[in-house]
Protein backbone atom coordinates (compact mmCIF):
# COMPACT_ATOMS: atom_id res chain seq x y z
CA MET A 1 -18.03 59.21 198.34
CA TYR A 2 -16.35 58.16 201.55
CA ARG A 3 -16.96 54.65 202.96
CA CYS A 4 -16.12 54.27 206.67
CA PRO A 5 -12.98 52.07 206.93
CA ASN A 6 -14.38 50.07 209.97
CA GLU A 7 -17.27 50.33 212.24
CA SER A 8 -15.38 52.08 215.06
CA ALA A 9 -14.66 54.97 212.50
CA CYS A 10 -18.13 55.88 212.29
CA GLY A 11 -19.28 55.28 215.69
CA GLY A 12 -20.39 51.70 214.75
CA ASP A 13 -22.28 52.64 211.51
CA ALA A 14 -20.64 51.38 208.39
CA GLN A 15 -22.56 53.01 205.76
CA ILE A 16 -21.55 55.19 203.07
CA HIS A 17 -21.11 59.01 203.76
CA GLU A 18 -21.13 61.49 200.87
CA THR A 19 -19.20 64.70 200.65
CA THR A 20 -18.41 67.64 198.50
CA SER A 21 -15.29 68.31 197.03
CA PRO A 22 -13.41 71.18 199.27
CA LEU A 23 -13.42 74.80 198.13
CA ILE A 24 -10.43 76.58 197.84
CA THR A 25 -9.78 79.08 200.91
CA ARG A 26 -8.65 82.59 200.85
CA ARG A 27 -5.73 81.48 203.07
CA GLU A 28 -4.88 78.54 200.84
CA ALA A 29 -4.88 80.90 197.56
CA MET A 30 -2.55 83.28 199.20
CA ALA A 31 -0.38 80.39 200.29
CA LEU A 32 -0.29 79.36 196.52
CA LEU A 33 0.78 82.85 195.35
CA GLY A 34 3.42 83.02 198.13
CA SER A 35 5.01 79.37 197.76
CA GLY A 36 7.70 80.18 195.39
CA ALA A 37 8.71 82.38 192.41
CA ALA A 38 9.09 79.32 190.14
CA TRP A 39 5.26 78.96 190.35
CA LEU A 40 4.63 82.75 189.92
CA ALA A 41 7.12 83.05 186.92
CA GLY A 42 4.93 81.00 184.61
CA PRO A 43 2.32 82.42 182.22
CA ARG A 44 -0.74 81.47 184.60
CA SER A 45 1.13 84.03 187.39
CA ALA A 46 -1.09 86.85 186.63
CA ARG A 47 -4.53 85.11 186.25
CA ALA A 48 -3.61 83.70 189.47
CA ALA A 49 -2.84 86.85 191.25
CA ALA A 50 -5.73 88.39 189.69
CA ALA A 51 -8.20 85.35 191.15
CA ALA A 52 -6.41 85.63 194.33
CA ALA A 53 -7.07 89.58 194.60
CA ALA A 54 -10.48 89.10 193.63
CA LEU A 55 -11.28 86.67 196.42
CA PRO A 56 -13.74 88.29 199.26
CA ALA A 57 -12.70 89.00 202.57
CA CYS A 58 -14.85 86.10 204.05
CA ILE A 59 -13.71 82.44 203.74
CA ALA A 60 -15.16 79.71 201.86
CA ARG A 61 -14.93 76.46 203.56
CA PRO A 62 -14.92 72.83 202.76
CA GLN A 63 -17.99 70.64 203.24
CA GLN A 64 -17.57 67.41 205.26
CA THR A 65 -19.89 64.46 205.81
CA GLU A 66 -22.69 64.80 208.10
CA GLY A 67 -22.02 61.34 209.60
CA PRO A 68 -24.26 58.85 211.19
CA PHE A 69 -25.47 60.91 214.16
CA PHE A 70 -27.25 63.75 212.80
CA VAL A 71 -30.92 64.21 214.13
CA GLU A 72 -33.47 66.84 213.05
CA SER A 73 -33.80 68.98 216.18
CA ALA A 74 -36.91 70.79 217.30
CA GLN A 75 -34.76 72.61 219.87
CA GLU A 76 -34.28 76.24 218.75
CA ARG A 77 -31.95 77.37 221.66
CA SER A 78 -28.55 79.11 222.11
CA ASP A 79 -27.44 77.10 225.26
CA ILE A 80 -27.64 73.32 223.86
CA ARG A 81 -25.87 71.99 227.15
CA LEU A 82 -29.75 71.40 228.87
CA ASP A 83 -31.26 68.07 228.70
CA PRO A 84 -34.85 68.64 228.37
CA VAL A 85 -35.45 65.26 229.90
CA THR A 86 -33.47 65.47 233.05
CA ASP A 87 -33.40 69.41 233.14
CA ALA A 88 -29.86 69.15 233.85
CA ASN A 89 -26.78 70.64 232.38
CA ALA A 90 -24.27 68.10 230.34
CA PRO A 91 -21.06 68.07 232.58
CA GLY A 92 -17.97 69.43 230.98
CA VAL A 93 -16.01 72.29 230.11
CA PRO A 94 -18.14 75.39 229.08
CA LEU A 95 -17.67 76.41 225.48
CA ARG A 96 -19.01 79.65 223.54
CA LEU A 97 -19.29 78.88 219.85
CA GLY A 98 -20.14 81.67 217.34
CA PHE A 99 -20.90 81.30 214.01
CA ARG A 100 -20.43 84.49 211.51
CA VAL A 101 -22.20 83.60 208.47
CA SER A 102 -21.54 85.36 205.05
CA ARG A 103 -23.07 85.27 201.33
CA VAL A 104 -20.09 85.28 198.91
CA SER A 105 -21.24 87.32 195.58
CA GLY A 106 -18.37 87.92 193.38
CA ALA A 107 -15.44 89.57 195.08
CA SER A 108 -17.39 90.92 198.14
CA CYS A 109 -19.57 89.27 200.90
CA ASN A 110 -22.45 90.30 202.92
CA PRO A 111 -24.22 89.02 206.21
CA LEU A 112 -26.35 86.29 205.79
CA ALA A 113 -29.33 86.82 207.72
CA GLY A 114 -31.89 83.97 208.61
CA ALA A 115 -29.69 80.96 208.08
CA ARG A 116 -30.72 78.14 209.99
CA VAL A 117 -27.34 76.72 211.88
CA ASP A 118 -27.73 73.47 213.49
CA VAL A 119 -24.82 72.26 215.80
CA TRP A 120 -24.32 68.76 217.50
CA HIS A 121 -21.44 66.78 219.03
CA CYS A 122 -20.76 63.96 221.58
CA ASP A 123 -20.60 64.43 225.24
CA ALA A 124 -17.81 64.29 227.57
CA THR A 125 -17.41 60.64 227.33
CA GLY A 126 -18.01 60.37 223.67
CA ARG A 127 -21.87 59.71 223.61
CA TYR A 128 -24.44 61.26 221.39
CA SER A 129 -27.83 61.88 222.22
CA ASP A 130 -31.08 60.41 220.62
CA VAL A 131 -29.18 58.17 218.33
CA GLY A 132 -30.25 54.61 219.73
CA ARG A 133 -26.84 53.72 220.80
CA GLY A 134 -27.76 51.65 223.78
CA SER A 135 -29.18 52.11 227.26
CA GLN A 136 -26.20 54.24 227.89
CA SER A 137 -26.91 56.90 225.37
CA PRO A 138 -28.24 60.24 226.81
CA ARG A 139 -31.81 61.15 226.28
CA GLY A 140 -33.42 63.87 225.01
CA SER A 141 -31.78 66.75 222.58
CA LEU A 142 -28.67 67.09 224.84
CA LEU A 143 -25.99 68.89 222.77
CA ARG A 144 -28.18 69.33 219.90
CA GLY A 145 -29.91 72.61 218.75
CA TYR A 146 -30.11 75.21 216.18
CA GLN A 147 -30.13 79.08 215.79
CA ARG A 148 -31.25 81.24 213.06
CA THR A 149 -28.39 83.79 212.03
CA ASP A 150 -29.22 87.63 212.90
CA ALA A 151 -28.98 90.94 210.80
CA ALA A 152 -25.05 90.43 211.25
CA GLY A 153 -24.91 86.73 210.18
CA SER A 154 -24.14 85.69 213.66
CA ALA A 155 -25.60 82.52 215.39
CA GLN A 156 -24.28 82.04 218.91
CA PHE A 157 -24.15 78.64 221.10
CA VAL A 158 -23.17 77.85 224.53
CA THR A 159 -22.26 74.15 224.66
CA ILE A 160 -19.59 72.29 226.38
CA TYR A 161 -16.00 70.79 225.01
CA PRO A 162 -16.84 67.91 223.13
CA GLY A 163 -15.65 64.54 224.15
CA TRP A 164 -14.11 61.74 221.76
CA TYR A 165 -14.91 58.29 220.62
CA GLY A 166 -12.91 55.50 218.59
CA GLY A 167 -12.17 56.04 215.44
CA ARG A 168 -12.42 59.85 215.11
CA ALA A 169 -10.45 63.00 215.99
CA VAL A 170 -12.39 65.70 218.21
CA HIS A 171 -15.04 67.25 216.55
CA VAL A 172 -18.25 69.36 216.19
CA HIS A 173 -20.76 68.86 213.54
CA PHE A 174 -22.50 71.79 211.89
CA LYS A 175 -25.29 72.27 209.05
CA ILE A 176 -26.42 75.67 207.62
CA ARG A 177 -29.60 75.88 205.74
CA THR A 178 -30.83 78.74 203.68
CA GLN A 179 -34.34 79.12 202.48
CA ALA A 180 -34.91 80.64 199.05
CA ALA A 181 -37.63 82.79 197.87
CA SER A 182 -38.75 80.02 195.46
CA GLY A 183 -38.98 77.70 198.60
CA ARG A 184 -36.02 75.40 197.73
CA GLY A 185 -33.14 76.49 199.80
CA GLN A 186 -29.32 75.37 199.93
CA GLU A 187 -27.56 73.00 202.57
CA PHE A 188 -24.09 73.37 203.77
CA THR A 189 -22.67 70.75 206.08
CA SER A 190 -19.39 70.18 207.79
CA GLN A 191 -17.45 69.58 210.92
CA LEU A 192 -15.13 71.80 213.31
CA TYR A 193 -11.81 70.56 214.85
CA PHE A 194 -9.61 71.45 217.64
CA ASP A 195 -6.12 71.68 218.29
CA ASP A 196 -4.46 68.15 219.39
CA ALA A 197 -2.69 70.22 222.13
CA LEU A 198 -5.78 71.83 223.83
CA ASN A 199 -7.43 68.28 223.53
CA ASP A 200 -4.52 67.06 225.42
CA ARG A 201 -5.13 69.78 228.10
CA VAL A 202 -9.13 69.69 228.31
CA PHE A 203 -9.08 65.84 228.66
CA ALA A 204 -6.94 65.66 231.57
CA LEU A 205 -9.75 67.49 233.33
CA ALA A 206 -12.72 65.92 234.79
CA PRO A 207 -15.21 64.66 233.88
CA TYR A 208 -13.31 64.06 230.30
CA SER A 209 -10.29 62.35 232.44
CA THR A 210 -12.57 59.23 233.26
CA HIS A 211 -12.75 58.71 229.47
CA GLY A 212 -8.75 58.87 228.96
CA ARG A 213 -6.92 60.71 226.16
CA PRO A 214 -8.15 60.73 222.56
CA SER A 215 -7.20 57.56 220.77
CA MET A 216 -6.66 59.72 217.37
CA ARG A 217 -4.96 62.97 216.50
CA ASN A 218 -6.02 65.15 213.81
CA ALA A 219 -3.90 64.21 211.02
CA ASP A 220 -4.69 60.49 211.56
CA ASP A 221 -8.27 61.08 211.06
CA PHE A 222 -9.29 60.20 207.49
CA ILE A 223 -12.00 62.91 207.53
CA PHE A 224 -9.98 65.46 208.98
CA ARG A 225 -7.43 65.03 206.06
CA ASP A 226 -10.09 66.08 203.60
CA GLY A 227 -9.73 69.78 204.22
CA GLY A 228 -9.87 69.81 208.03
CA ARG A 229 -7.18 72.35 208.44
CA ALA A 230 -9.32 74.88 207.22
CA LEU A 231 -11.98 73.92 209.95
CA LEU A 232 -9.60 74.30 213.00
CA LEU A 233 -11.00 76.30 215.56
CA ASP A 234 -9.00 79.33 217.02
CA VAL A 235 -10.14 78.72 220.64
CA VAL A 236 -9.29 81.26 223.59
CA GLN A 237 -9.52 80.77 227.16
CA GLU A 238 -12.00 82.81 229.16
CA GLY A 239 -11.48 81.91 232.79
CA GLU A 240 -12.70 78.29 233.13
CA ALA A 241 -14.38 78.34 229.85
CA TYR A 242 -13.35 78.29 226.26
CA ALA A 243 -14.47 80.59 223.40
CA ALA A 244 -14.27 80.34 219.78
CA ALA A 245 -15.61 82.29 216.77
CA PHE A 246 -16.05 80.64 213.25
CA ASP A 247 -16.38 82.73 210.02
CA ILE A 248 -17.85 81.13 206.87
CA GLY A 249 -18.66 82.73 203.33
CA LEU A 250 -21.22 80.33 201.38
CA VAL A 251 -21.41 80.75 197.78
CA LEU A 252 -25.24 80.89 197.11
C-alpha cells in the first residue's frame, strides 16, 4: 500500500492507493544474468539461465497506482484530444500513443484481442478533466478515452504530450481490462513516463511554457521509483509531433 506523502503528491487527495508488486521484466532478467561472473558462478546459475531463456519475447511490466483521477469513460475513441463539451481540441504538442498487448503463456506470447485499454492524463497546464478540481477544471472527457485491442493486440490513441502538476513526474495513466468467458475478467493498471530531457524540450514550447518546467524529475517521484524505469516510453519525433509504442505482456 502507498500513502501519499502529502496532498500535492496526489493532486490534493491524500488517500491510500494500492499497488501490486512489480513483475520482473525480460530486460531486468537479462541484466541480472549479465551483472557479473560471481553471480553466475553460484549453484543457482543454471536455474537462472534456464529461467531467463524461458521468458517470452513480450515484456511483463509492473503495475502502479491508479491515482485519484480515474473516471470510468464512456468515450470509445482513438483521438482523445477533443472536448465533447466545447468541441475543441486540447492545446498541446500532438502525441501518437500505441499499445501492443500480448497474453503471456509459459514461454510464448500471443496478441491479446478484445482487451479494453483506457488512457487518461492531465492537460498542458496540469489539470484533469471530470474530477471536480474547481471552476478551472476542464469539462467533459478531455484527454480520456478507451479503445479495444484489435486482432494484433493493438490499440492506438492520438492525444497531446501531457503536462505536469506538483508532486509528480510527467506521466500518463493506463488501464487494461479483459473479459473472461466466465464473465469475470482481469485488470492491469499502471503509468507511463517520459525522459526528463525530452520533458525539458517540450515544456519550453507553448502552451506548456506558461506553466513552467516540471517541479519533479523522474528519479524524485516516489511512484516512479517503484518500477518506473520499465515504464519509460521510447519516444520518437515526427515533425512537430511525437510518437511512442508500448509493448506489454500480461500473465492471464
